[in-house]
Amino acid sequence: MVLKVFGGGIGCGIGGSSLYLSKKFLAQVTGITLSPVQVERAKERAVELGLQCQAEFLVADAQNMPFADNSFDLVWSLESGE
């Protein structure tokens, strides 16, 4: 079974937490941010680490996420709330 993680989740930045979770737990991870620049850098980092098939980064709004209910096994949130 592949663990599907909304990792680094909302406000994933350049993918640090998501990529860590992907590598450490061989998880399929998805992160979102409002910044296209951050998404591109996160994708570059995934390639650099050989995780491009396990990590997905999207420009998306946390108030209107493009995922169906129960899409993930785990939600990881870090430093993204007010």
Protein backbone atom coordinates (compact mmCIF):
# COMPACT_ATOMS: atom_id res chain seq x y z
CA MET A 1 0.00 0.00 0.00
CA VAL A 2 1.26 3.47 -0.87
CA LEU A 3 0.60 6.09 1.79
CA LYS A 4 -1.07 9.14 0.23
CA VAL A 5 -0.10 12.25 2.19
CA PHE A 6 -1.28 15.82 1.88
CA GLY A 7 2.20 16.73 3.04
CA GLY A 8 3.31 20.19 3.90
CA GLY A 9 -0.16 20.62 2.57
CA ILE A 10 -1.53 24.11 2.65
CA GLY A 11 1.28 26.55 2.08
CA CYS A 12 3.81 23.87 1.11
CA GLY A 13 6.36 26.48 0.10
CA ILE A 14 9.21 24.93 -1.88
CA GLY A 15 8.26 21.43 -0.76
CA GLY A 16 10.54 20.79 2.21
CA SER A 17 8.15 18.84 4.43
CA SER A 18 6.47 17.11 1.52
CA LEU A 19 9.73 15.88 0.07
CA TYR A 20 10.99 14.75 3.47
CA LEU A 21 7.83 12.67 4.02
CA SER A 22 8.02 11.26 0.52
CA LYS A 23 11.62 10.13 0.94
CA LYS A 24 11.41 8.92 4.55
CA PHE A 25 8.14 6.98 4.21
CA LEU A 26 8.08 6.28 0.44
CA ALA A 27 4.81 8.19 0.40
CA GLN A 28 2.92 9.76 -2.47
CA VAL A 29 2.69 13.42 -1.44
CA THR A 30 0.76 16.46 -2.60
CA GLY A 31 1.36 20.06 -1.57
CA ILE A 32 -0.42 23.28 -2.50
CA THR A 33 0.54 26.93 -2.37
CA LEU A 34 -0.72 30.16 -3.89
CA SER A 35 2.73 30.87 -5.35
CA PRO A 36 3.55 29.59 -8.85
CA VAL A 37 7.22 30.37 -8.16
CA GLN A 38 7.21 28.12 -5.09
CA VAL A 39 5.46 25.32 -7.01
CA GLU A 40 8.10 25.40 -9.73
CA ARG A 41 10.92 25.33 -7.18
CA ALA A 42 9.27 22.44 -5.29
CA LYS A 43 9.01 20.51 -8.57
CA GLU A 44 12.68 21.20 -9.32
CA ARG A 45 13.66 19.96 -5.87
CA ALA A 46 11.59 16.81 -6.36
CA VAL A 47 13.53 16.09 -9.58
CA GLU A 48 16.86 16.80 -7.86
CA LEU A 49 15.95 14.23 -5.18
CA GLY A 50 14.55 11.68 -7.63
CA LEU A 51 11.07 12.03 -6.13
CA GLN A 52 9.22 13.51 -9.11
CA CYS A 53 7.03 10.39 -9.45
CA GLN A 54 6.06 10.54 -5.76
CA ALA A 55 5.54 14.27 -5.27
CA GLU A 56 2.96 16.60 -6.76
CA PHE A 57 2.83 20.35 -6.21
CA LEU A 58 -0.05 22.55 -7.30
CA VAL A 59 -1.05 26.18 -7.30
CA ALA A 60 -4.33 26.02 -5.40
CA ASP A 61 -6.40 27.91 -2.86
CA ALA A 62 -6.89 26.25 0.53
CA GLN A 63 -10.42 27.67 0.63
CA ASN A 64 -11.31 25.83 -2.58
CA MET A 65 -9.12 22.74 -2.78
CA PRO A 66 -9.29 20.62 -5.94
CA PHE A 67 -9.50 17.26 -4.14
CA ALA A 68 -12.38 14.91 -3.44
CA ASP A 69 -13.17 13.96 0.15
CA ASN A 70 -11.02 11.11 1.49
CA SER A 71 -8.29 11.63 -1.11
CA PHE A 72 -5.50 11.29 1.44
CA ASP A 73 -4.52 8.85 4.18
CA LEU A 74 -2.77 11.53 6.22
CA VAL A 75 -2.72 15.33 6.38
CA TRP A 76 0.52 16.92 7.54
CA SER A 77 0.38 20.61 8.43
CA LEU A 78 3.31 22.68 9.62
CA GLU A 79 3.59 26.43 10.12
CA SER A 80 0.70 27.23 7.82
CA GLY A 81 -2.03 28.46 10.16
CA GLU A 82 -2.75 31.79 11.77
